[in-house]
Each structure stands twice: as structure tokens, then as C-alpha cells.
N, C-alpha and C. Protein backbone atom coordinates (compact mmCIF):
# COMPACT_ATOMS: atom_id res chain seq x y z
N MET A 1 -3.64 16.40 13.22
CA MET A 1 -2.63 17.45 13.42
C MET A 1 -3.03 18.49 13.10
N ARG A 2 -2.23 19.08 14.58
CA ARG A 2 -2.22 20.60 14.37
C ARG A 2 -1.09 21.45 14.34
N TRP A 3 -0.42 22.69 13.38
CA TRP A 3 0.99 22.23 12.77
C TRP A 3 0.94 23.22 14.17
N GLY A 4 0.11 24.18 14.90
CA GLY A 4 0.43 25.00 15.69
C GLY A 4 0.68 25.64 16.83
N ASP A 5 -0.10 24.19 17.54
CA ASP A 5 0.29 24.49 18.81
C ASP A 5 0.71 23.38 19.47
N GLY A 6 2.19 23.32 18.51
CA GLY A 6 2.86 22.36 19.42
C GLY A 6 3.49 20.72 19.66
N SER A 7 1.52 20.09 19.29
CA SER A 7 1.52 18.94 19.20
C SER A 7 2.23 17.78 17.87
N CYS A 8 2.45 18.55 17.39
CA CYS A 8 3.37 17.95 16.42
C CYS A 8 4.73 17.39 16.18
N ASP A 9 4.62 16.53 16.63
CA ASP A 9 6.07 15.49 17.52
C ASP A 9 7.10 15.80 16.05
N LEU A 10 8.13 15.19 15.91
CA LEU A 10 8.71 15.05 14.77
C LEU A 10 9.28 13.83 13.58
N LEU A 11 8.70 13.08 15.00
CA LEU A 11 8.19 11.83 14.26
C LEU A 11 7.06 11.88 13.18
N ARG A 12 5.95 12.53 13.48
CA ARG A 12 4.42 12.10 13.37
C ARG A 12 4.78 13.33 11.96
N CYS A 13 5.67 14.01 12.28
CA CYS A 13 5.71 14.98 11.19
C CYS A 13 6.54 14.40 9.96
N LYS A 14 7.09 13.91 10.37
CA LYS A 14 8.15 12.92 9.11
C LYS A 14 7.22 12.16 8.28
N LEU A 15 6.33 11.35 8.78
CA LEU A 15 5.51 10.44 8.78
C LEU A 15 4.46 11.15 7.76
N PHE A 16 3.60 12.10 8.10
CA PHE A 16 3.11 13.31 7.71
C PHE A 16 3.48 13.46 5.88
N VAL A 17 5.01 14.12 6.23
CA VAL A 17 4.99 14.80 4.66
C VAL A 17 4.78 13.09 3.31
N LEU A 18 6.21 12.38 4.32
CA LEU A 18 5.79 11.30 3.21
C LEU A 18 4.50 10.59 2.48
N LEU A 19 3.15 10.74 3.73
CA LEU A 19 2.01 10.56 3.25
C LEU A 19 1.55 11.55 2.19
N VAL A 20 2.43 12.41 2.15
CA VAL A 20 1.21 13.90 1.55
C VAL A 20 1.98 13.55 0.36
N LEU A 21 3.28 13.32 -0.03
CA LEU A 21 3.79 12.48 -0.79
C LEU A 21 3.90 11.91 -1.59
N VAL A 22 3.17 10.69 -1.35
CA VAL A 22 3.30 9.17 -1.78
C VAL A 22 1.79 10.03 -2.43
N GLY A 23 0.56 10.77 -1.87
CA GLY A 23 -0.32 10.84 -2.17
C GLY A 23 -0.79 11.71 -3.40
N CYS A 24 0.84 12.36 -3.67
CA CYS A 24 0.49 13.77 -4.96
C CYS A 24 1.39 12.31 -5.63
N SER A 25 1.59 11.43 -6.25
CA SER A 25 2.08 10.76 -6.80
C SER A 25 1.56 9.77 -7.25
N ASP A 26 1.73 9.00 -8.25
CA ASP A 26 1.27 7.83 -8.90
C ASP A 26 1.72 6.34 -8.14
N GLY A 27 1.62 6.44 -6.62
CA GLY A 27 2.37 5.09 -5.54
C GLY A 27 1.54 3.71 -6.39
N TYR A 28 2.72 2.76 -6.74
CA TYR A 28 2.14 1.93 -5.62
C TYR A 28 2.80 0.87 -5.03
N LEU A 29 2.56 0.99 -3.52
CA LEU A 29 2.72 0.67 -2.78
C LEU A 29 2.39 0.90 -1.47
N ASN A 30 2.97 -0.06 -0.49
CA ASN A 30 2.45 -0.39 1.11
C ASN A 30 3.49 0.60 2.42
N ILE A 31 2.69 1.15 2.93
CA ILE A 31 4.22 1.55 3.84
C ILE A 31 2.89 1.26 5.19
N PHE A 32 3.75 0.63 5.88
CA PHE A 32 2.81 -0.33 6.75
C PHE A 32 4.14 -0.15 8.07
N ILE A 33 3.17 -0.45 9.49
CA ILE A 33 4.21 -1.51 10.63
C ILE A 33 3.39 -2.83 11.49
N SER A 34 4.42 -3.57 11.21
CA SER A 34 4.31 -5.53 11.07
C SER A 34 3.61 -5.36 12.04
N GLN A 35 3.13 -6.85 11.90
CA GLN A 35 2.17 -7.00 12.88
C GLN A 35 2.99 -7.25 14.60
N SER A 36 4.52 -8.17 14.75
CA SER A 36 5.26 -7.66 15.65
C SER A 36 5.52 -6.85 15.93
N GLN A 37 5.41 -5.48 15.12
CA GLN A 37 5.75 -3.78 15.97
C GLN A 37 4.42 -3.69 16.65
N VAL A 38 3.38 -3.63 15.79
CA VAL A 38 1.77 -3.49 16.11
C VAL A 38 1.56 -4.48 17.45
N MET A 39 2.31 -5.38 17.67
CA MET A 39 2.35 -6.14 19.03
C MET A 39 3.27 -5.60 20.20
N LYS A 40 4.55 -4.53 19.88
CA LYS A 40 5.19 -4.38 20.39
C LYS A 40 4.77 -3.13 21.51
N LEU A 41 3.84 -2.72 20.08
CA LEU A 41 3.54 -1.03 20.46
C LEU A 41 1.81 -1.02 21.17
N LEU A 42 1.19 -1.62 20.36
CA LEU A 42 -0.28 -1.71 21.02
C LEU A 42 -0.80 -2.78 21.44
N GLY A 43 -0.02 -4.22 21.21
CA GLY A 43 -0.59 -4.95 21.83
C GLY A 43 -1.67 -5.78 21.60
N LEU A 44 -1.03 -5.41 19.97
CA LEU A 44 -2.82 -6.26 19.47
C LEU A 44 -1.85 -6.89 18.18
N LYS A 45 -2.51 -8.17 17.18
CA LYS A 45 -1.99 -8.52 16.42
C LYS A 45 -2.67 -8.19 15.26
N ALA A 46 -2.53 -7.16 14.58
CA ALA A 46 -2.93 -6.31 13.23
C ALA A 46 -1.41 -5.70 12.48
N GLU A 47 -1.63 -5.94 11.30
CA GLU A 47 -0.47 -4.79 10.61
C GLU A 47 -1.63 -3.31 10.30
N LEU A 48 -0.84 -2.63 10.65
CA LEU A 48 -1.57 -0.95 10.79
C LEU A 48 -0.91 -0.31 9.41
N TYR A 49 -1.33 -0.60 7.97
CA TYR A 49 -0.74 0.49 7.45
C TYR A 49 -1.85 1.87 6.75
N TYR A 50 -0.64 2.55 6.54
CA TYR A 50 -1.04 4.66 6.50
C TYR A 50 -0.92 4.25 4.67
N VAL A 51 -0.12 3.50 4.21
CA VAL A 51 -0.76 3.44 2.90
C VAL A 51 -0.77 1.71 2.38
N ARG A 52 -2.00 1.59 1.99
CA ARG A 52 -2.13 0.75 1.26
C ARG A 52 -2.74 0.63 -0.33
N GLU A 53 -2.02 0.23 -1.39
CA GLU A 53 -1.87 0.11 -2.97
C GLU A 53 -1.86 1.82 -3.04
N GLY A 54 -0.94 2.25 -2.60
CA GLY A 54 -0.81 3.78 -3.29
C GLY A 54 -2.07 4.34 -2.37
N VAL A 55 -2.62 4.01 -2.21
CA VAL A 55 -3.63 4.95 -1.01
C VAL A 55 -3.73 5.06 0.02
N VAL A 56 -3.07 6.71 0.60
CA VAL A 56 -2.85 6.65 2.20
C VAL A 56 -4.48 5.92 2.88
N ASN A 57 -4.43 6.00 3.99
CA ASN A 57 -5.23 5.75 5.04
C ASN A 57 -5.16 6.27 5.53
N THR A 58 -6.07 8.06 5.64
CA THR A 58 -6.71 9.02 6.02
C THR A 58 -7.93 8.82 7.54
N TYR A 59 -8.03 7.22 7.39
CA TYR A 59 -8.35 7.08 8.80
C TYR A 59 -7.60 6.53 10.00
N ALA A 60 -6.06 6.85 9.46
CA ALA A 60 -5.25 5.48 10.40
C ALA A 60 -4.44 6.80 10.62
N MET A 61 -4.54 8.11 9.89
CA MET A 61 -3.25 9.42 10.49
C MET A 61 -4.29 10.13 11.08
N ASN A 62 -5.84 10.12 11.18
CA ASN A 62 -6.59 10.83 12.57
C ASN A 62 -6.09 10.49 13.55
N PHE A 63 -5.57 9.29 14.13
CA PHE A 63 -5.25 9.06 15.67
C PHE A 63 -4.31 8.48 15.70
N VAL A 64 -3.91 10.05 17.25
CA VAL A 64 -2.30 9.82 17.75
C VAL A 64 -2.21 8.77 18.59
N VAL A 65 -1.15 7.53 18.03
CA VAL A 65 -0.29 6.91 18.50
C VAL A 65 0.70 7.12 19.41
N PRO A 66 0.42 7.07 20.71
CA PRO A 66 1.05 7.53 21.91
C PRO A 66 2.35 5.85 21.66
N VAL A 67 3.79 6.43 21.73
CA VAL A 67 5.05 5.28 22.05
C VAL A 67 5.47 5.43 23.06
N PRO A 68 5.19 4.41 24.37
CA PRO A 68 6.11 4.27 25.64
C PRO A 68 6.95 4.16 25.63
N ALA A 69 7.86 5.59 26.78
CA ALA A 69 9.19 5.93 26.72
C ALA A 69 10.60 3.77 26.61
N ASN A 70 9.38 3.04 27.54
CA ASN A 70 10.87 2.07 27.13
C ASN A 70 10.49 1.54 25.57
N ILE A 71 9.84 1.76 24.17
CA ILE A 71 10.31 1.55 22.86
C ILE A 71 11.48 1.95 22.21
N ALA A 72 12.22 2.03 22.25
CA ALA A 72 13.49 3.10 21.80
C ALA A 72 13.05 2.54 20.07
N ASP A 73 12.91 1.87 19.39
CA ASP A 73 13.04 2.03 18.33
C ASP A 73 11.34 1.31 17.91
N LEU A 74 11.56 2.10 16.08
CA LEU A 74 9.56 1.41 15.89
C LEU A 74 10.14 1.14 13.93
N GLU A 75 10.03 0.04 13.60
CA GLU A 75 9.80 0.32 12.76
C GLU A 75 8.72 0.41 11.75
N PHE A 76 8.89 1.16 10.59
CA PHE A 76 8.12 1.53 9.33
C PHE A 76 8.49 0.16 8.20
N SER A 77 7.58 -0.17 7.44
CA SER A 77 7.93 -1.19 6.50
C SER A 77 7.06 -1.15 5.65
N TRP A 78 7.90 -1.11 3.98
CA TRP A 78 7.44 -0.26 2.60
C TRP A 78 7.57 -1.82 2.07
N GLN A 79 6.51 -1.77 0.86
CA GLN A 79 6.49 -2.41 -0.08
C GLN A 79 6.26 -1.86 -1.42
N SER A 80 7.20 -2.57 -2.42
CA SER A 80 6.81 -1.81 -3.66
C SER A 80 5.91 -3.29 -4.25
N LEU A 81 4.85 -2.52 -5.01
CA LEU A 81 3.88 -3.80 -5.48
C LEU A 81 4.01 -2.99 -7.43
N ALA A 82 5.22 -2.05 -8.02
CA ALA A 82 5.32 -1.75 -8.64
C ALA A 82 5.35 -2.98 -9.81
N GLY A 83 6.09 -4.37 -9.56
CA GLY A 83 6.67 -5.73 -10.25
C GLY A 83 7.52 -5.27 -10.77
N HIS A 84 8.48 -4.54 -10.28
CA HIS A 84 10.03 -4.28 -10.58
C HIS A 84 11.06 -3.89 -9.71
N PRO A 85 12.30 -3.80 -10.13
CA PRO A 85 13.17 -3.05 -9.01
C PRO A 85 13.18 -1.56 -8.64
N VAL A 86 12.98 -1.18 -7.30
CA VAL A 86 13.00 0.79 -7.63
C VAL A 86 14.35 0.37 -6.66
N ARG A 87 14.90 1.79 -6.67
CA ARG A 87 15.86 2.33 -6.55
C ARG A 87 15.16 2.81 -4.90
N THR A 88 16.21 2.49 -3.79
CA THR A 88 15.49 2.77 -2.33
C THR A 88 16.48 3.97 -1.58
N TYR A 89 16.76 4.87 -0.75
CA TYR A 89 17.47 5.30 -0.25
C TYR A 89 16.87 5.08 1.62
N VAL A 90 18.41 5.17 2.10
CA VAL A 90 18.23 5.02 3.92
C VAL A 90 19.04 5.77 4.26
N ARG A 91 18.36 6.84 5.17
CA ARG A 91 18.46 7.62 5.73
C ARG A 91 18.05 7.80 7.38
N ASN A 92 19.87 7.92 8.14
CA ASN A 92 19.59 7.93 9.12
C ASN A 92 19.32 9.06 9.86
N THR A 93 18.05 9.32 10.74
CA THR A 93 18.11 10.79 11.25
C THR A 93 17.94 10.68 12.67
N GLU A 94 18.87 10.20 13.08
CA GLU A 94 19.45 10.35 14.70
C GLU A 94 20.33 11.59 14.31
């Protein structure tokens, strides 16, 4: 991702900031796109992990995944591995 050339869209910037913040903490979580969402997006039967067991997947972050115009929404999932309840905050970005 290059910040100065205008190729950084809003969703990718938000995801990058989130992953940087996760990488700067002791996070016990997973952030991923579920198998059904990857099938919708890429036609593949797989999950796509951006953070697995608190470790940022820098390999996945190097790929630009184009989102076709016919996809109105894409769900990112997160899973706490802390073993106890955590506070969650939901924010609508529209």
C-alpha cells in the first residue's frame, strides 16, 4: 500500500490501521473473512485470515483484492481467543 499515490481506498486504510493497532498489542484474536464471504468475493472455498492468533498476516496484506461492483457488503469476522468475555464496540461506517 502506498499512501501518496491515491491507490489507498477507505476500506483498505481502515483495515490497515486496525491491523497496525492489533500488531502493537498483545492480542489474542483472529480477524478473517469467512468461507462464505471468500466464496462470494473470490469464488474460492477458503477462509482468509488477516490476523491469526494475534499475529498479523503480512503476506495477506500485500495483496490488493478487487471488490466487484455487484458486491454491496463484505463481512469481516473476529474471534476472541482470550478465554473470557470482551467488550465489543460496533460502529456503522456509512
